[in-house]
Amino acid sequence: MNETNLMKMANYIENIPQKDFSMEVWRRGVNNVNVVCNSVGCAVGHCTILDVENIKKNFIDRYDIIDYLEWSSEFTGINYSSMKWAYLFVDDWMFIDNTPKGTANRIRYVVKYGFPNYIGMYEEINGLKKLNYE
């Protein structure tokens, strides 16, 4: 886990206006080719601005679209197919805590205390228990 980059994400995300934030999508519309978001988007979609040159060099696919999953895995040091990545970034958060402040707090919680156990992560993502980071 890359704690430095996760903290960069948390610090950036908490300043995104709510109207421009949604865990539902990387970005709204067809704005997936620009490294700068300029649309409603999730934590990963917005935070590409923190790693512009690397994304341009290594994470633009043959259709000129950002590979958000691969980039976010490298940037955070957390594999996108893991429950840990899901705990931070999965779109199910749109139903439980769809706020930039909550997302930033969740990231900070993980950096400070580590991830909850698997069951705890599942229960939080699905609204079955109080959020650890509130």
Protein backbone atom coordinates (compact mmCIF):
# COMPACT_ATOMS: atom_id res chain seq x y z
CA MET A 1 0.00 0.00 0.00
CA ASN A 2 1.40 3.39 -1.01
CA GLU A 3 0.43 5.56 1.95
CA THR A 4 1.95 8.70 0.45
CA ASN A 5 -0.18 8.48 -2.69
CA LEU A 6 -3.28 7.53 -0.72
CA MET A 7 -2.85 10.65 1.41
CA LYS A 8 -2.42 12.74 -1.74
CA MET A 9 -5.74 11.31 -2.93
CA ALA A 10 -7.48 12.01 0.38
CA ASN A 11 -6.20 15.59 0.49
CA TYR A 12 -7.28 16.23 -3.09
CA ILE A 13 -10.68 14.53 -2.87
CA GLU A 14 -11.86 16.34 0.24
CA ASN A 15 -11.78 19.63 -1.70
CA ILE A 16 -13.94 18.45 -4.59
CA PRO A 17 -17.41 20.04 -4.44
CA GLN A 18 -20.18 17.50 -3.81
CA LYS A 19 -21.88 18.48 -7.08
CA ASP A 20 -18.77 17.24 -8.94
CA PHE A 21 -18.42 13.95 -7.08
CA SER A 22 -20.03 10.53 -7.46
CA MET A 23 -18.67 7.10 -6.65
CA GLU A 24 -20.99 5.77 -9.36
CA VAL A 25 -18.70 6.43 -12.33
CA TRP A 26 -15.06 7.11 -13.17
CA ARG A 27 -16.38 10.18 -14.97
CA ARG A 28 -19.65 11.23 -16.58
CA GLY A 29 -19.95 11.49 -20.32
CA VAL A 30 -17.09 10.84 -22.68
CA ASN A 31 -14.42 12.60 -20.66
CA ASN A 32 -12.26 9.51 -20.25
CA VAL A 33 -9.44 10.59 -22.52
CA ASN A 34 -8.38 13.72 -20.61
CA VAL A 35 -6.16 13.27 -17.58
CA VAL A 36 -7.91 16.22 -15.88
CA CYS A 37 -11.45 15.22 -14.94
CA ASN A 38 -13.60 18.35 -15.56
CA SER A 39 -16.79 16.35 -14.92
CA VAL A 40 -18.64 14.51 -12.20
CA GLY A 41 -16.48 11.58 -11.16
CA CYS A 42 -15.32 9.30 -8.40
CA ALA A 43 -12.15 9.34 -6.33
CA VAL A 44 -10.10 7.48 -8.94
CA GLY A 45 -11.50 9.52 -11.84
CA HIS A 46 -10.67 12.82 -10.17
CA CYS A 47 -7.27 11.83 -8.81
CA THR A 48 -5.69 11.13 -12.18
CA ILE A 49 -4.60 14.78 -12.00
CA LEU A 50 -2.10 13.70 -9.33
CA ASP A 51 -0.14 11.54 -11.78
CA VAL A 52 -0.55 13.17 -15.20
CA GLU A 53 2.75 12.31 -16.89
CA ASN A 54 2.74 8.68 -15.74
CA ILE A 55 -0.82 8.22 -17.00
CA LYS A 56 -0.05 9.80 -20.36
CA LYS A 57 3.00 7.56 -20.74
CA ASN A 58 1.71 4.26 -19.35
CA PHE A 59 -2.06 4.13 -18.84
CA ILE A 60 -3.75 5.30 -22.03
CA ASP A 61 -5.09 2.34 -23.99
CA ARG A 62 -5.24 1.90 -27.76
CA TYR A 63 -8.59 3.73 -27.82
CA ASP A 64 -7.04 6.73 -26.01
CA ILE A 65 -8.97 5.95 -22.83
CA ILE A 66 -7.41 5.95 -19.37
CA ASP A 67 -7.08 2.51 -17.81
CA TYR A 68 -8.37 3.54 -14.40
CA LEU A 69 -8.11 0.11 -12.82
CA GLU A 70 -4.49 -0.49 -13.72
CA TRP A 71 -3.50 3.08 -12.92
CA SER A 72 -5.21 3.10 -9.54
CA SER A 73 -3.62 -0.22 -8.63
CA GLU A 74 -0.15 1.10 -9.38
CA PHE A 75 -0.73 4.51 -7.79
CA THR A 76 -2.18 3.13 -4.55
CA GLY A 77 -0.24 -0.13 -4.38
CA ILE A 78 -3.57 -1.98 -3.94
CA ASN A 79 -4.68 -4.51 -6.55
CA TYR A 80 -7.97 -3.48 -8.13
CA SER A 81 -9.36 -7.01 -7.90
CA SER A 82 -8.97 -7.10 -4.12
CA MET A 83 -11.50 -6.40 -1.40
CA LYS A 84 -9.11 -3.75 -0.09
CA TRP A 85 -9.37 -1.77 -3.33
CA ALA A 86 -13.15 -2.23 -3.24
CA TYR A 87 -13.28 -0.94 0.33
CA LEU A 88 -11.79 2.34 -0.84
CA PHE A 89 -13.13 2.78 -4.35
CA VAL A 90 -15.99 0.46 -5.38
CA ASP A 91 -19.06 2.12 -6.87
CA ASP A 92 -21.33 0.55 -4.22
CA TRP A 93 -20.31 3.46 -1.99
CA MET A 94 -22.73 5.62 -3.98
CA PHE A 95 -25.51 4.08 -1.88
CA ILE A 96 -23.79 4.38 1.52
CA ASP A 97 -21.41 7.35 1.49
CA ASN A 98 -21.29 9.17 -1.81
CA THR A 99 -19.32 12.16 -0.54
CA PRO A 100 -15.81 13.45 -1.15
CA LYS A 101 -15.37 14.04 2.60
CA GLY A 102 -16.41 10.47 3.46
CA THR A 103 -14.13 9.05 0.79
CA ALA A 104 -11.20 11.12 2.05
CA ASN A 105 -11.94 10.01 5.63
CA ARG A 106 -12.11 6.35 4.57
CA ILE A 107 -8.71 6.61 2.90
CA ARG A 108 -7.20 8.35 5.94
CA TYR A 109 -8.66 5.70 8.24
CA VAL A 110 -6.99 2.94 6.22
CA VAL A 111 -3.63 4.74 6.18
CA LYS A 112 -3.76 5.28 9.94
CA TYR A 113 -5.31 2.01 11.16
CA GLY A 114 -5.16 -0.42 8.24
CA PHE A 115 -8.06 -2.19 6.61
CA PRO A 116 -10.90 -3.71 8.59
CA ASN A 117 -11.18 -7.49 8.28
CA TYR A 118 -12.94 -8.87 5.21
CA ILE A 119 -16.32 -9.22 6.93
CA GLY A 120 -16.05 -5.69 8.34
CA MET A 121 -15.27 -4.25 4.91
CA TYR A 122 -18.17 -6.14 3.33
CA GLU A 123 -20.59 -4.99 6.02
CA GLU A 124 -19.58 -1.33 5.67
CA ILE A 125 -19.75 -1.31 1.88
CA ASN A 126 -23.22 -2.84 2.05
CA GLY A 127 -24.53 -0.56 4.80
CA LEU A 128 -24.82 -3.37 7.35
CA LYS A 129 -22.76 -1.66 10.06
CA LYS A 130 -21.59 1.76 11.18
CA LEU A 131 -18.76 3.18 9.14
CA ASN A 132 -15.37 2.89 10.87
CA TYR A 133 -14.26 6.31 9.73
CA GLU A 134 -17.17 8.45 10.93
